[in-house]
């Protein structure tokens, strides 16, 4: 998306878009119609940038929450292990030295 100037002094607006895996330049024009198209394209770019920034903020918040949750999980596992519990086949927590009923 760019304004181009030719040797004759004419200025016109073009867009680049993908078509069939290739980048194709699309001639938009000159004058008020091209100004309006350029403004619309700039608004779309600004909207996409705003959405990208919002997504990155959300992603960072989720990662921070996941890190805090992982620290909490590690702390709980450590407390249970200190209290004499162990994970039976990486599943439920069991207390050492206590026989399960039916065994």
C-alpha atoms as a PDB file:
ATOM      1  CA  UNK A   1       0.000   0.000   0.000  1.00  0.00           C
ATOM      2  CA  UNK A   2       1.884   2.931  -1.252  1.00  0.00           C
ATOM      3  CA  UNK A   3       1.684   6.176  -3.070  1.00  0.00           C
ATOM      4  CA  UNK A   4       3.858   6.130  -6.150  1.00  0.00           C
ATOM      5  CA  UNK A   5       5.147   8.992  -8.241  1.00  0.00           C
ATOM      6  CA  UNK A   6       6.066   8.552 -11.891  1.00  0.00           C
ATOM      7  CA  UNK A   7       8.417  10.612 -14.021  1.00  0.00           C
ATOM      8  CA  UNK A   8       5.564  12.676 -15.427  1.00  0.00           C
ATOM      9  CA  UNK A   9       4.763  13.866 -11.930  1.00  0.00           C
ATOM     10  CA  UNK A  10       1.605  11.827 -11.569  1.00  0.00           C
ATOM     11  CA  UNK A  11       0.942  10.365  -8.152  1.00  0.00           C
ATOM     12  CA  UNK A  12      -1.233   7.290  -7.693  1.00  0.00           C
ATOM     13  CA  UNK A  13      -2.114   4.791  -4.996  1.00  0.00           C
ATOM     14  CA  UNK A  14      -1.567   1.021  -5.213  1.00  0.00           C
ATOM     15  CA  UNK A  15      -2.229  -1.897  -2.881  1.00  0.00           C
ATOM     16  CA  UNK A  16      -0.414  -5.186  -2.563  1.00  0.00           C
ATOM     17  CA  UNK A  17      -2.430  -8.325  -1.901  1.00  0.00           C
ATOM     18  CA  UNK A  18      -1.942 -12.065  -2.070  1.00  0.00           C
ATOM     19  CA  UNK A  19      -3.576 -13.989  -4.880  1.00  0.00           C
ATOM     20  CA  UNK A  20      -2.823 -17.669  -5.336  1.00  0.00           C
ATOM     21  CA  UNK A  21       0.341 -17.555  -3.231  1.00  0.00           C
ATOM     22  CA  UNK A  22       1.748 -14.576  -5.118  1.00  0.00           C
ATOM     23  CA  UNK A  23       1.822 -10.896  -4.265  1.00  0.00           C
ATOM     24  CA  UNK A  24      -0.168  -8.861  -6.762  1.00  0.00           C
ATOM     25  CA  UNK A  25      -0.133  -5.059  -6.967  1.00  0.00           C
ATOM     26  CA  UNK A  26      -3.548  -3.544  -7.456  1.00  0.00           C
ATOM     27  CA  UNK A  27      -3.906  -0.085  -8.998  1.00  0.00           C
ATOM     28  CA  UNK A  28      -6.386   2.016  -7.006  1.00  0.00           C
ATOM     29  CA  UNK A  29      -6.128   5.384  -8.686  1.00  0.00           C
ATOM     30  CA  UNK A  30      -5.506   9.072  -8.087  1.00  0.00           C
ATOM     31  CA  UNK A  31      -7.374  11.973  -6.573  1.00  0.00           C
ATOM     32  CA  UNK A  32     -10.052  11.868  -3.867  1.00  0.00           C
ATOM     33  CA  UNK A  33     -10.955   8.213  -4.472  1.00  0.00           C
ATOM     34  CA  UNK A  34      -7.352   7.153  -3.907  1.00  0.00           C
ATOM     35  CA  UNK A  35      -7.085   9.394  -0.831  1.00  0.00           C
ATOM     36  CA  UNK A  36     -10.190   7.731   0.601  1.00  0.00           C
ATOM     37  CA  UNK A  37      -8.830   4.239  -0.178  1.00  0.00           C
ATOM     38  CA  UNK A  38      -5.484   5.114   1.438  1.00  0.00           C
ATOM     39  CA  UNK A  39      -7.243   6.436   4.550  1.00  0.00           C
ATOM     40  CA  UNK A  40      -9.370   3.277   4.735  1.00  0.00           C
ATOM     41  CA  UNK A  41      -6.300   1.067   4.402  1.00  0.00           C
ATOM     42  CA  UNK A  42      -4.502   3.058   7.103  1.00  0.00           C
ATOM     43  CA  UNK A  43      -7.506   2.673   9.423  1.00  0.00           C
ATOM     44  CA  UNK A  44      -7.555  -1.093   8.825  1.00  0.00           C
ATOM     45  CA  UNK A  45      -3.816  -1.301   9.567  1.00  0.00           C
ATOM     46  CA  UNK A  46      -4.283   0.701  12.775  1.00  0.00           C
ATOM     47  CA  UNK A  47      -7.174  -1.572  13.827  1.00  0.00           C
ATOM     48  CA  UNK A  48      -5.098  -4.712  13.187  1.00  0.00           C
ATOM     49  CA  UNK A  49      -2.195  -3.226  15.146  1.00  0.00           C
ATOM     50  CA  UNK A  50      -4.499  -2.397  18.062  1.00  0.00           C
ATOM     51  CA  UNK A  51      -5.928  -5.948  18.020  1.00  0.00           C
ATOM     52  CA  UNK A  52      -2.411  -7.417  17.886  1.00  0.00           C
ATOM     53  CA  UNK A  53      -1.309  -5.366  20.893  1.00  0.00           C
ATOM     54  CA  UNK A  54      -4.433  -6.354  22.842  1.00  0.00           C
ATOM     55  CA  UNK A  55      -3.810 -10.024  22.023  1.00  0.00           C
ATOM     56  CA  UNK A  56      -0.172  -9.751  23.135  1.00  0.00           C
ATOM     57  CA  UNK A  57      -1.252  -8.165  26.440  1.00  0.00           C
ATOM     58  CA  UNK A  58      -3.794 -10.937  27.007  1.00  0.00           C
ATOM     59  CA  UNK A  59      -1.216 -13.574  26.125  1.00  0.00           C
ATOM     60  CA  UNK A  60       1.271 -12.118  28.623  1.00  0.00           C
ATOM     61  CA  UNK A  61      -1.417 -12.082  31.341  1.00  0.00           C
ATOM     62  CA  UNK A  62      -2.273 -15.725  30.635  1.00  0.00           C
ATOM     63  CA  UNK A  63       1.401 -16.727  30.722  1.00  0.00           C
ATOM     64  CA  UNK A  64       1.871 -14.897  34.041  1.00  0.00           C
ATOM     65  CA  UNK A  65      -1.193 -16.679  35.476  1.00  0.00           C
ATOM     66  CA  UNK A  66       0.109 -20.033  34.258  1.00  0.00           C
ATOM     67  CA  UNK A  67       3.503 -19.349  35.863  1.00  0.00           C
ATOM     68  CA  UNK A  68       1.866 -18.429  39.174  1.00  0.00           C
ATOM     69  CA  UNK A  69      -0.307 -21.546  39.022  1.00  0.00           C
ATOM     70  CA  UNK A  70       2.746 -23.727  38.316  1.00  0.00           C
ATOM     71  CA  UNK A  71       4.575 -22.252  41.333  1.00  0.00           C
ATOM     72  CA  UNK A  72       1.513 -22.913  43.478  1.00  0.00           C
ATOM     73  CA  UNK A  73       1.297 -26.505  42.213  1.00  0.00           C
ATOM     74  CA  UNK A  74       4.981 -27.065  43.003  1.00  0.00           C
ATOM     75  CA  UNK A  75       4.513 -25.618  46.492  1.00  0.00           C
ATOM     76  CA  UNK A  76       1.509 -27.855  47.198  1.00  0.00           C
ATOM     77  CA  UNK A  77       3.354 -30.929  45.904  1.00  0.00           C
ATOM     78  CA  UNK A  78       6.290 -30.072  48.155  1.00  0.00           C
ATOM     79  CA  UNK A  79       4.030 -29.662  51.181  1.00  0.00           C
ATOM     80  CA  UNK A  80       2.289 -32.959  50.517  1.00  0.00           C
ATOM     81  CA  UNK A  81       5.611 -34.756  50.068  1.00  0.00           C
ATOM     82  CA  UNK A  82       6.898 -33.236  53.327  1.00  0.00           C
ATOM     83  CA  UNK A  83       3.734 -34.451  55.067  1.00  0.00           C
ATOM     84  CA  UNK A  84       4.457 -38.040  53.993  1.00  0.00           C
ATOM     85  CA  UNK A  85       2.326 -38.328  50.867  1.00  0.00           C
ATOM     86  CA  UNK A  86       3.371 -39.655  47.463  1.00  0.00           C
ATOM     87  CA  UNK A  87       1.769 -39.904  44.047  1.00  0.00           C
ATOM     88  CA  UNK A  88       0.636 -43.408  43.243  1.00  0.00           C
ATOM     89  CA  UNK A  89       1.513 -44.105  39.582  1.00  0.00           C
ATOM     90  CA  UNK A  90       1.569 -40.334  38.978  1.00  0.00           C
ATOM     91  CA  UNK A  91      -2.103 -40.182  39.910  1.00  0.00           C
ATOM     92  CA  UNK A  92      -3.749 -39.736  43.261  1.00  0.00           C
ATOM     93  CA  UNK A  93      -1.875 -38.714  46.364  1.00  0.00           C
ATOM     94  CA  UNK A  94      -1.495 -41.442  49.017  1.00  0.00           C
ATOM     95  CA  UNK A  95      -0.050 -41.386  52.492  1.00  0.00           C
ATOM     96  CA  UNK A  96       2.959 -43.601  53.042  1.00  0.00           C
ATOM     97  CA  UNK A  97       2.565 -46.466  55.499  1.00  0.00           C
ATOM     98  CA  UNK A  98      -1.228 -46.510  55.379  1.00  0.00           C
ATOM     99  CA  UNK A  99      -2.756 -49.619  53.851  1.00  0.00           C
ATOM    100  CA  UNK A 100      -5.595 -49.076  51.448  1.00  0.00           C
ATOM    101  CA  UNK A 101      -8.788 -50.987  52.184  1.00  0.00           C
ATOM    102  CA  UNK A 102      -9.319 -54.022  49.992  1.00  0.00           C
ATOM    103  CA  UNK A 103      -5.610 -54.573  49.478  1.00  0.00           C
END
